[in-house]
Amino acid sequence: VAYHFGRKLVLHDPKIPVGLLDCSLGGTTVEAWMAPEQVAAYNQSHHDEIAKVQRCYEEEMRGIAAKSTALLAEHQPEMINGGYFRLDFDDSAWDKLQLPVKLKEFDDGDGIAVFRTKIAIPASWAGRELILSLGKVDDFDIAYFNGKKVGETGPETLDSWDIPRHYRIPGNLVKEGQASLAVQVFDHFGGGGFGSPAAEMKLCCGEEEIPLAGNWKYKIAWLVKAVHDSVPARPFGASLSGLYNGMIAPTAPFAIKGFLWYQGESNEMRPEHYRDVLPP
């Protein structure tokens, strides 16, 4: 739309150059685009309504988390009893996948996948604490080092799909030679898998690191059409004023003649609030 708008202006007077600044991001709420002082004023005058909306959202999410927790508990014994996390487990028959990547199997459903890889631990790392970094994992995960659980992010963590994972591996588990990493990923809506750049997947010992991106073995342990029928939209976006600060404020020095604005779907559950914050 902005392109055709600018094109019409150019055709109207070809001698005047037209510049377009594109500040766009899908699936946002209007509050994320508002200046902090505007959000603060609105929150103060609508405190009770906002608190009610937030409570309703959190209650819905607790119900979703409870169902996901129950499903994890139901299927966890299958993978533990199958030895999927052990150092000596034979994964030669499993498929290979280049990580980081979102799983295509989860595009039209939800479920649990287990990923495995082996790494060589140098002698200088033996007995020292390590940090396992996996980047963002969608939605929940449990990480194992040589068969021992070293980290977990579960359904109780709000917006877990957007949180980078950093797990501590105690020194008593770290020995020279071949070690195994296993990561169980549970996707309960949307696309599941690993969502960060390759550089964020690494095993660190002080300033030294071993990259973990690349070939991993994986197995879909459980797949279902949908874990949840629907998921509520977060009422006030991921960050109040975040998009204003990150995308709008930096354009302030430009001599802007006008703008085109389109937004609203993520405010659909609160039309009365949207009417107040963005009046016609």
C-alpha atoms as a PDB file:
ATOM      1  CA  VAL A   1       0.000   0.000   0.000  1.00  0.00           C
ATOM      2  CA  ALA A   2       2.786   2.421   0.900  1.00  0.00           C
ATOM      3  CA  TYR A   3       4.590   1.646  -2.376  1.00  0.00           C
ATOM      4  CA  HIS A   4       1.541   2.518  -4.500  1.00  0.00           C
ATOM      5  CA  PHE A   5       0.972   5.634  -2.395  1.00  0.00           C
ATOM      6  CA  GLY A   6       4.540   6.811  -3.041  1.00  0.00           C
ATOM      7  CA  ARG A   7       4.270   5.883  -6.742  1.00  0.00           C
ATOM      8  CA  LYS A   8       1.191   8.056  -7.143  1.00  0.00           C
ATOM      9  CA  LEU A   9       3.003  10.993  -5.586  1.00  0.00           C
ATOM     10  CA  VAL A  10       5.932  10.546  -7.981  1.00  0.00           C
ATOM     11  CA  LEU A  11       3.631  10.344 -10.992  1.00  0.00           C
ATOM     12  CA  HIS A  12       1.881  13.508  -9.843  1.00  0.00           C
ATOM     13  CA  ASP A  13       5.159  15.467  -9.836  1.00  0.00           C
ATOM     14  CA  PRO A  14       8.239  13.522 -11.071  1.00  0.00           C
ATOM     15  CA  LYS A  15      10.573  16.361 -10.063  1.00  0.00           C
ATOM     16  CA  ILE A  16       9.971  15.823  -6.360  1.00  0.00           C
ATOM     17  CA  PRO A  17      11.722  12.776  -4.895  1.00  0.00           C
ATOM     18  CA  VAL A  18       9.646  10.684  -2.499  1.00  0.00           C
ATOM     19  CA  GLY A  19      11.188   8.688   0.342  1.00  0.00           C
ATOM     20  CA  LEU A  20       9.264   6.045   2.270  1.00  0.00           C
ATOM     21  CA  LEU A  21      10.161   4.861   5.773  1.00  0.00           C
ATOM     22  CA  ASP A  22       8.687   1.428   6.434  1.00  0.00           C
ATOM     23  CA  CYS A  23       8.090   0.710  10.132  1.00  0.00           C
ATOM     24  CA  SER A  24       6.016  -2.479  10.187  1.00  0.00           C
ATOM     25  CA  LEU A  25       5.634  -5.644  12.178  1.00  0.00           C
ATOM     26  CA  GLY A  26       2.737  -8.086  12.053  1.00  0.00           C
ATOM     27  CA  GLY A  27       0.651  -9.233  14.998  1.00  0.00           C
ATOM     28  CA  THR A  28       1.118  -6.208  17.246  1.00  0.00           C
ATOM     29  CA  THR A  29      -1.035  -4.205  19.634  1.00  0.00           C
ATOM     30  CA  VAL A  30      -1.430  -0.444  19.380  1.00  0.00           C
ATOM     31  CA  GLU A  31       0.073  -0.015  22.862  1.00  0.00           C
ATOM     32  CA  ALA A  32       3.439  -1.225  21.546  1.00  0.00           C
ATOM     33  CA  TRP A  33       3.467   1.695  19.066  1.00  0.00           C
ATOM     34  CA  MET A  34       2.480   4.344  21.614  1.00  0.00           C
ATOM     35  CA  ALA A  35       4.938   6.691  23.312  1.00  0.00           C
ATOM     36  CA  PRO A  36       5.645   5.805  26.984  1.00  0.00           C
ATOM     37  CA  GLU A  37       3.925   8.933  28.307  1.00  0.00           C
ATOM     38  CA  GLN A  38       0.788   8.118  26.301  1.00  0.00           C
ATOM     39  CA  VAL A  39       0.703   4.560  27.631  1.00  0.00           C
ATOM     40  CA  ALA A  40       1.233   5.784  31.206  1.00  0.00           C
ATOM     41  CA  ALA A  41      -1.634   8.286  30.933  1.00  0.00           C
ATOM     42  CA  TYR A  42      -3.970   5.694  29.460  1.00  0.00           C
ATOM     43  CA  ASN A  43      -3.055   3.072  32.061  1.00  0.00           C
ATOM     44  CA  GLN A  44      -3.699   5.512  34.889  1.00  0.00           C
ATOM     45  CA  SER A  45      -7.176   6.442  33.646  1.00  0.00           C
ATOM     46  CA  HIS A  46      -8.150   2.831  32.770  1.00  0.00           C
ATOM     47  CA  HIS A  47      -6.410   0.947  35.570  1.00  0.00           C
ATOM     48  CA  ASP A  48      -9.360  -1.261  36.601  1.00  0.00           C
ATOM     49  CA  GLU A  49     -10.260  -2.329  33.045  1.00  0.00           C
ATOM     50  CA  ILE A  50      -6.641  -3.135  32.203  1.00  0.00           C
ATOM     51  CA  ALA A  51      -6.181  -5.166  35.378  1.00  0.00           C
ATOM     52  CA  LYS A  52      -9.336  -7.166  34.590  1.00  0.00           C
ATOM     53  CA  VAL A  53      -8.199  -7.944  31.035  1.00  0.00           C
ATOM     54  CA  GLN A  54      -4.767  -9.003  32.285  1.00  0.00           C
ATOM     55  CA  ARG A  55      -6.272 -11.283  34.959  1.00  0.00           C
ATOM     56  CA  CYS A  56      -8.516 -12.983  32.385  1.00  0.00           C
ATOM     57  CA  TYR A  57      -5.551 -13.572  30.076  1.00  0.00           C
ATOM     58  CA  GLU A  58      -3.372 -14.996  32.847  1.00  0.00           C
ATOM     59  CA  GLU A  59      -6.194 -17.302  33.979  1.00  0.00           C
ATOM     60  CA  GLU A  60      -6.608 -18.653  30.436  1.00  0.00           C
ATOM     61  CA  MET A  61      -2.861 -19.172  30.115  1.00  0.00           C
ATOM     62  CA  ARG A  62      -2.729 -21.046  33.447  1.00  0.00           C
ATOM     63  CA  GLY A  63      -5.370 -23.423  32.123  1.00  0.00           C
ATOM     64  CA  ILE A  64      -3.365 -23.980  28.939  1.00  0.00           C
ATOM     65  CA  ALA A  65      -0.186 -24.523  30.957  1.00  0.00           C
ATOM     66  CA  ALA A  66      -1.920 -27.095  33.173  1.00  0.00           C
ATOM     67  CA  LYS A  67      -3.043 -29.118  30.158  1.00  0.00           C
ATOM     68  CA  SER A  68       0.441 -28.951  28.613  1.00  0.00           C
ATOM     69  CA  THR A  69       2.043 -30.001  31.905  1.00  0.00           C
ATOM     70  CA  ALA A  70      -0.259 -33.013  32.116  1.00  0.00           C
ATOM     71  CA  LEU A  71       0.583 -34.060  28.543  1.00  0.00           C
ATOM     72  CA  LEU A  72       4.316 -33.776  29.237  1.00  0.00           C
ATOM     73  CA  ALA A  73       3.976 -35.908  32.343  1.00  0.00           C
ATOM     74  CA  GLU A  74       1.969 -38.482  30.370  1.00  0.00           C
ATOM     75  CA  HIS A  75       4.530 -38.892  27.590  1.00  0.00           C
ATOM     76  CA  GLN A  76       7.789 -38.349  29.514  1.00  0.00           C
ATOM     77  CA  PRO A  77       8.113 -41.991  30.700  1.00  0.00           C
ATOM     78  CA  GLU A  78       8.054 -43.238  27.089  1.00  0.00           C
ATOM     79  CA  MET A  79      11.227 -41.299  26.284  1.00  0.00           C
ATOM     80  CA  ILE A  80      12.979 -42.002  29.575  1.00  0.00           C
ATOM     81  CA  ASN A  81      12.222 -45.732  29.401  1.00  0.00           C
ATOM     82  CA  GLY A  82      13.300 -45.736  25.750  1.00  0.00           C
ATOM     83  CA  GLY A  83      16.705 -44.398  26.790  1.00  0.00           C
ATOM     84  CA  TYR A  84      16.526 -41.396  24.446  1.00  0.00           C
ATOM     85  CA  PHE A  85      18.680 -39.263  26.764  1.00  0.00           C
ATOM     86  CA  ARG A  86      21.421 -41.765  27.652  1.00  0.00           C
ATOM     87  CA  LEU A  87      25.018 -41.304  26.528  1.00  0.00           C
ATOM     88  CA  ASP A  88      25.163 -44.824  25.056  1.00  0.00           C
ATOM     89  CA  PHE A  89      21.778 -44.698  23.272  1.00  0.00           C
ATOM     90  CA  ASP A  90      21.948 -45.889  19.646  1.00  0.00           C
ATOM     91  CA  ASP A  91      20.372 -43.130  17.526  1.00  0.00           C
ATOM     92  CA  SER A  92      21.794 -44.369  14.202  1.00  0.00           C
ATOM     93  CA  ALA A  93      18.289 -45.016  12.832  1.00  0.00           C
ATOM     94  CA  TRP A  94      17.073 -41.494  13.654  1.00  0.00           C
ATOM     95  CA  ASP A  95      16.723 -38.792  10.991  1.00  0.00           C
ATOM     96  CA  LYS A  96      19.255 -35.963  10.636  1.00  0.00           C
ATOM     97  CA  LEU A  97      18.458 -32.278  10.792  1.00  0.00           C
ATOM     98  CA  GLN A  98      20.471 -29.073  10.543  1.00  0.00           C
ATOM     99  CA  LEU A  99      19.897 -26.952  13.658  1.00  0.00           C
ATOM    100  CA  PRO A 100      18.727 -24.340  14.359  1.00  0.00           C
ATOM    101  CA  VAL A 101      15.436 -24.862  12.524  1.00  0.00           C
ATOM    102  CA  LYS A 102      11.699 -24.993  13.136  1.00  0.00           C
ATOM    103  CA  LEU A 103      10.226 -28.468  12.655  1.00  0.00           C
ATOM    104  CA  LYS A 104       8.097 -28.917   9.545  1.00  0.00           C
ATOM    105  CA  GLU A 105       6.265 -31.762  11.295  1.00  0.00           C
ATOM    106  CA  PHE A 106       4.848 -29.177  13.712  1.00  0.00           C
ATOM    107  CA  ASP A 107       3.566 -26.832  10.993  1.00  0.00           C
ATOM    108  CA  ASP A 108       0.144 -28.479  11.050  1.00  0.00           C
ATOM    109  CA  GLY A 109       0.146 -29.878  14.557  1.00  0.00           C
ATOM    110  CA  ASP A 110       1.887 -30.058  17.924  1.00  0.00           C
ATOM    111  CA  GLY A 111       3.936 -32.637  19.763  1.00  0.00           C
ATOM    112  CA  ILE A 112       7.251 -33.736  21.239  1.00  0.00           C
ATOM    113  CA  ALA A 113      10.599 -34.202  19.493  1.00  0.00           C
ATOM    114  CA  VAL A 114      13.945 -35.348  20.884  1.00  0.00           C
ATOM    115  CA  PHE A 115      17.233 -34.042  19.441  1.00  0.00           C
ATOM    116  CA  ARG A 116      20.658 -35.623  20.043  1.00  0.00           C
ATOM    117  CA  THR A 117      24.246 -34.767  19.189  1.00  0.00           C
ATOM    118  CA  LYS A 118      27.724 -35.793  20.367  1.00  0.00           C
ATOM    119  CA  ILE A 119      30.638 -33.474  21.087  1.00  0.00           C
ATOM    120  CA  ALA A 120      34.272 -33.881  22.079  1.00  0.00           C
ATOM    121  CA  ILE A 121      35.131 -32.393  25.465  1.00  0.00           C
ATOM    122  CA  PRO A 122      38.786 -31.263  25.607  1.00  0.00           C
ATOM    123  CA  ALA A 123      40.993 -32.269  28.539  1.00  0.00           C
ATOM    124  CA  SER A 124      41.264 -28.643  29.680  1.00  0.00           C
ATOM    125  CA  TRP A 125      37.474 -28.555  30.272  1.00  0.00           C
ATOM    126  CA  ALA A 126      37.330 -31.634  32.516  1.00  0.00           C
ATOM    127  CA  GLY A 127      35.836 -30.870  35.934  1.00  0.00           C
ATOM    128  CA  ARG A 128      34.876 -27.303  35.008  1.00  0.00           C
ATOM    129  CA  GLU A 129      31.398 -25.801  34.926  1.00  0.00           C
ATOM    130  CA  LEU A 130      29.952 -25.322  31.441  1.00  0.00           C
ATOM    131  CA  ILE A 131      27.121 -23.182  30.084  1.00  0.00           C
ATOM    132  CA  LEU A 132      24.813 -24.752  27.522  1.00  0.00           C
ATOM    133  CA  SER A 133      23.201 -22.131  25.262  1.00  0.00           C
ATOM    134  CA  LEU A 134      20.441 -23.231  22.887  1.00  0.00           C
ATOM    135  CA  GLY A 135      18.927 -19.917  21.822  1.00  0.00           C
ATOM    136  CA  LYS A 136      15.126 -19.674  21.797  1.00  0.00           C
ATOM    137  CA  VAL A 137      13.204 -22.941  21.914  1.00  0.00           C
ATOM    138  CA  ASP A 138       9.534 -23.151  20.888  1.00  0.00           C
ATOM    139  CA  ASP A 139       7.786 -23.860  23.247  1.00  0.00           C
ATOM    140  CA  PHE A 140       9.296 -25.887  26.146  1.00  0.00           C
ATOM    141  CA  ASP A 141      12.402 -28.019  26.570  1.00  0.00           C
ATOM    142  CA  ILE A 142      14.397 -30.275  28.843  1.00  0.00           C
ATOM    143  CA  ALA A 143      18.158 -30.500  28.242  1.00  0.00           C
ATOM    144  CA  TYR A 144      20.331 -33.512  29.149  1.00  0.00           C
ATOM    145  CA  PHE A 145      24.120 -33.774  29.290  1.00  0.00           C
ATOM    146  CA  ASN A 146      25.429 -37.350  29.323  1.00  0.00           C
ATOM    147  CA  GLY A 147      21.978 -38.517  30.372  1.00  0.00           C
ATOM    148  CA  LYS A 148      21.640 -36.079  33.299  1.00  0.00           C
ATOM    149  CA  LYS A 149      19.053 -33.312  33.219  1.00  0.00           C
ATOM    150  CA  VAL A 150      20.828 -29.925  33.321  1.00  0.00           C
ATOM    151  CA  GLY A 151      18.074 -27.481  32.440  1.00  0.00           C
ATOM    152  CA  GLU A 152      14.367 -27.117  31.858  1.00  0.00           C
ATOM    153  CA  THR A 153      11.897 -24.447  30.718  1.00  0.00           C
ATOM    154  CA  GLY A 154       8.283 -25.531  31.149  1.00  0.00           C
ATOM    155  CA  PRO A 155       4.676 -24.403  30.659  1.00  0.00           C
ATOM    156  CA  GLU A 156       4.824 -22.259  33.778  1.00  0.00           C
ATOM    157  CA  THR A 157       7.137 -19.823  31.932  1.00  0.00           C
ATOM    158  CA  LEU A 158       5.150 -17.096  30.167  1.00  0.00           C
ATOM    159  CA  ASP A 159       6.275 -16.473  26.554  1.00  0.00           C
ATOM    160  CA  SER A 160       8.773 -19.330  26.889  1.00  0.00           C
ATOM    161  CA  TRP A 161       9.102 -19.553  23.092  1.00  0.00           C
ATOM    162  CA  ASP A 162      10.815 -16.148  23.093  1.00  0.00           C
ATOM    163  CA  ILE A 163      13.349 -16.749  25.883  1.00  0.00           C
ATOM    164  CA  PRO A 164      16.949 -17.817  25.053  1.00  0.00           C
ATOM    165  CA  ARG A 165      18.047 -20.893  27.012  1.00  0.00           C
ATOM    166  CA  HIS A 166      21.214 -20.845  29.133  1.00  0.00           C
ATOM    167  CA  TYR A 167      21.721 -23.908  31.331  1.00  0.00           C
ATOM    168  CA  ARG A 168      24.536 -24.610  33.801  1.00  0.00           C
ATOM    169  CA  ILE A 169      26.328 -27.964  33.573  1.00  0.00           C
ATOM    170  CA  PRO A 170      28.112 -28.717  36.891  1.00  0.00           C
ATOM    171  CA  GLY A 171      31.783 -29.626  36.739  1.00  0.00           C
ATOM    172  CA  ASN A 172      31.300 -33.109  38.202  1.00  0.00           C
ATOM    173  CA  LEU A 173      29.505 -34.129  34.992  1.00  0.00           C
ATOM    174  CA  VAL A 174      32.233 -32.835  32.686  1.00  0.00           C
ATOM    175  CA  LYS A 175      34.835 -35.386  31.610  1.00  0.00           C
ATOM    176  CA  GLU A 176      37.362 -35.486  28.776  1.00  0.00           C
ATOM    177  CA  GLY A 177      36.184 -37.298  25.664  1.00  0.00           C
ATOM    178  CA  GLN A 178      32.904 -37.830  23.895  1.00  0.00           C
ATOM    179  CA  ALA A 179      29.792 -36.398  25.509  1.00  0.00           C
ATOM    180  CA  SER A 180      26.156 -36.435  24.450  1.00  0.00           C
ATOM    181  CA  LEU A 181      23.591 -33.658  24.412  1.00  0.00           C
ATOM    182  CA  ALA A 182      19.899 -34.434  24.208  1.00  0.00           C
ATOM    183  CA  VAL A 183      17.126 -31.845  24.073  1.00  0.00           C
ATOM    184  CA  GLN A 184      13.464 -32.709  24.374  1.00  0.00           C
ATOM    185  CA  VAL A 185      11.241 -30.076  22.734  1.00  0.00           C
ATOM    186  CA  PHE A 186       7.508 -29.827  23.367  1.00  0.00           C
ATOM    187  CA  ASP A 187       5.466 -27.657  20.998  1.00  0.00           C
ATOM    188  CA  HIS A 188       1.946 -26.903  22.203  1.00  0.00           C
ATOM    189  CA  PHE A 189       0.886 -24.356  19.581  1.00  0.00           C
ATOM    190  CA  GLY A 190       2.418 -22.580  16.605  1.00  0.00           C
ATOM    191  CA  GLY A 191       5.651 -23.778  15.025  1.00  0.00           C
ATOM    192  CA  GLY A 192       8.049 -25.713  17.244  1.00  0.00           C
ATOM    193  CA  GLY A 193      11.810 -26.021  17.277  1.00  0.00           C
ATOM    194  CA  PHE A 194      14.861 -23.774  17.559  1.00  0.00           C
ATOM    195  CA  GLY A 195      14.371 -20.145  16.582  1.00  0.00           C
ATOM    196  CA  SER A 196      17.651 -18.272  17.156  1.00  0.00           C
ATOM    197  CA  PRO A 197      20.663 -17.666  14.880  1.00  0.00           C
ATOM    198  CA  ALA A 198      23.235 -20.469  14.718  1.00  0.00           C
ATOM    199  CA  ALA A 199      25.787 -18.465  16.729  1.00  0.00           C
ATOM    200  CA  GLU A 200      23.540 -18.634  19.812  1.00  0.00           C
ATOM    201  CA  MET A 201      23.788 -22.432  19.980  1.00  0.00           C
ATOM    202  CA  LYS A 202      27.019 -23.210  21.815  1.00  0.00           C
ATOM    203  CA  LEU A 203      28.670 -24.940  24.753  1.00  0.00           C
ATOM    204  CA  CYS A 204      30.886 -22.564  26.742  1.00  0.00           C
ATOM    205  CA  CYS A 205      33.688 -23.009  29.237  1.00  0.00           C
ATOM    206  CA  GLY A 206      34.786 -19.568  30.345  1.00  0.00           C
ATOM    207  CA  GLU A 207      35.794 -17.692  27.185  1.00  0.00           C
ATOM    208  CA  GLU A 208      36.110 -20.888  25.126  1.00  0.00           C
ATOM    209  CA  GLU A 209      33.174 -22.326  23.223  1.00  0.00           C
ATOM    210  CA  ILE A 210      32.141 -25.232  21.009  1.00  0.00           C
ATOM    211  CA  PRO A 211      29.528 -24.407  18.338  1.00  0.00           C
ATOM    212  CA  LEU A 212      26.454 -26.626  18.490  1.00  0.00           C
ATOM    213  CA  ALA A 213      24.682 -25.602  15.284  1.00  0.00           C
ATOM    214  CA  GLY A 214      24.813 -28.223  12.555  1.00  0.00           C
ATOM    215  CA  ASN A 215      23.810 -31.868  12.181  1.00  0.00           C
ATOM    216  CA  TRP A 216      21.723 -33.358  14.989  1.00  0.00           C
ATOM    217  CA  LYS A 217      19.784 -36.610  15.124  1.00  0.00           C
ATOM    218  CA  TYR A 218      16.081 -36.268  15.913  1.00  0.00           C
ATOM    219  CA  LYS A 219      12.947 -38.310  16.452  1.00  0.00           C
ATOM    220  CA  ILE A 220       9.307 -37.231  16.644  1.00  0.00           C
ATOM    221  CA  ALA A 221       8.219 -38.932  19.837  1.00  0.00           C
ATOM    222  CA  TRP A 222       4.592 -37.803  19.764  1.00  0.00           C
ATOM    223  CA  LEU A 223       2.520 -35.851  17.229  1.00  0.00           C
ATOM    224  CA  VAL A 224      -1.065 -34.633  17.461  1.00  0.00           C
ATOM    225  CA  LYS A 225      -3.270 -32.399  15.328  1.00  0.00           C
ATOM    226  CA  ALA A 226      -3.492 -29.730  18.041  1.00  0.00           C
ATOM    227  CA  VAL A 227      -2.745 -29.662  21.765  1.00  0.00           C
ATOM    228  CA  HIS A 228      -4.998 -26.629  22.270  1.00  0.00           C
ATOM    229  CA  ASP A 229      -8.012 -25.596  20.195  1.00  0.00           C
ATOM    230  CA  SER A 230      -7.196 -21.893  20.534  1.00  0.00           C
ATOM    231  CA  VAL A 231      -4.734 -19.630  22.289  1.00  0.00           C
ATOM    232  CA  PRO A 232      -5.607 -16.164  23.621  1.00  0.00           C
ATOM    233  CA  ALA A 233      -3.729 -13.193  22.220  1.00  0.00           C
ATOM    234  CA  ARG A 234      -1.543 -11.463  24.769  1.00  0.00           C
ATOM    235  CA  PRO A 235      -3.634  -8.387  25.662  1.00  0.00           C
ATOM    236  CA  PHE A 236      -0.926  -5.729  25.641  1.00  0.00           C
ATOM    237  CA  GLY A 237       1.712  -7.153  23.338  1.00  0.00           C
ATOM    238  CA  ALA A 238       5.207  -8.248  24.214  1.00  0.00           C
ATOM    239  CA  SER A 239       6.417  -4.790  25.159  1.00  0.00           C
ATOM    240  CA  LEU A 240       4.502  -1.600  25.927  1.00  0.00           C
ATOM    241  CA  SER A 241       6.103   1.245  23.932  1.00  0.00           C
ATOM    242  CA  GLY A 242       8.724  -1.211  22.637  1.00  0.00           C
ATOM    243  CA  LEU A 243       7.980  -0.620  18.957  1.00  0.00           C
ATOM    244  CA  TYR A 244       7.652   3.112  19.484  1.00  0.00           C
ATOM    245  CA  ASN A 245      11.105   3.252  21.064  1.00  0.00           C
ATOM    246  CA  GLY A 246      12.655   0.838  18.577  1.00  0.00           C
ATOM    247  CA  MET A 247      11.039   1.881  15.288  1.00  0.00           C
ATOM    248  CA  ILE A 248       9.239   5.224  15.557  1.00  0.00           C
ATOM    249  CA  ALA A 249      11.409   7.381  17.831  1.00  0.00           C
ATOM    250  CA  PRO A 250      14.518   6.914  15.618  1.00  0.00           C
ATOM    251  CA  THR A 251      12.636   8.500  12.684  1.00  0.00           C
ATOM    252  CA  ALA A 252      11.967  11.731  14.620  1.00  0.00           C
ATOM    253  CA  PRO A 253      14.894  13.674  13.033  1.00  0.00           C
ATOM    254  CA  PHE A 254      13.439  13.149   9.537  1.00  0.00           C
ATOM    255  CA  ALA A 255      11.205  15.813   8.007  1.00  0.00           C
ATOM    256  CA  ILE A 256       8.146  13.611   7.605  1.00  0.00           C
ATOM    257  CA  LYS A 257       5.355  15.046   5.461  1.00  0.00           C
ATOM    258  CA  GLY A 258       2.735  12.440   6.313  1.00  0.00           C
ATOM    259  CA  PHE A 259       2.132   8.836   7.203  1.00  0.00           C
ATOM    260  CA  LEU A 260      -0.058   5.819   6.523  1.00  0.00           C
ATOM    261  CA  TRP A 261      -1.234   3.771   9.513  1.00  0.00           C
ATOM    262  CA  TYR A 262      -2.735   0.315   9.627  1.00  0.00           C
ATOM    263  CA  GLN A 263      -3.002  -1.797  12.741  1.00  0.00           C
ATOM    264  CA  GLY A 264      -5.624  -3.400  14.908  1.00  0.00           C
ATOM    265  CA  GLU A 265      -6.018  -7.157  14.693  1.00  0.00           C
ATOM    266  CA  SER A 266      -4.171  -7.851  17.932  1.00  0.00           C
ATOM    267  CA  ASN A 267      -6.520  -5.462  19.757  1.00  0.00           C
ATOM    268  CA  GLU A 268      -9.575  -7.356  18.479  1.00  0.00           C
ATOM    269  CA  MET A 269     -10.423  -8.811  21.895  1.00  0.00           C
ATOM    270  CA  ARG A 270     -10.541  -5.287  23.429  1.00  0.00           C
ATOM    271  CA  PRO A 271     -12.381  -3.100  20.904  1.00  0.00           C
ATOM    272  CA  GLU A 272     -13.545  -0.630  23.557  1.00  0.00           C
ATOM    273  CA  HIS A 273      -9.942  -0.001  24.647  1.00  0.00           C
ATOM    274  CA  TYR A 274      -8.788   0.348  21.057  1.00  0.00           C
ATOM    275  CA  ARG A 275     -11.462   2.963  20.450  1.00  0.00           C
ATOM    276  CA  ASP A 276     -10.135   4.971  23.396  1.00  0.00           C
ATOM    277  CA  VAL A 277      -6.408   4.790  22.562  1.00  0.00           C
ATOM    278  CA  LEU A 278      -6.845   5.414  18.808  1.00  0.00           C
ATOM    279  CA  PRO A 279      -9.960   7.564  18.358  1.00  0.00           C
ATOM    280  CA  PRO A 280     -11.108   8.399  14.797  1.00  0.00           C
END
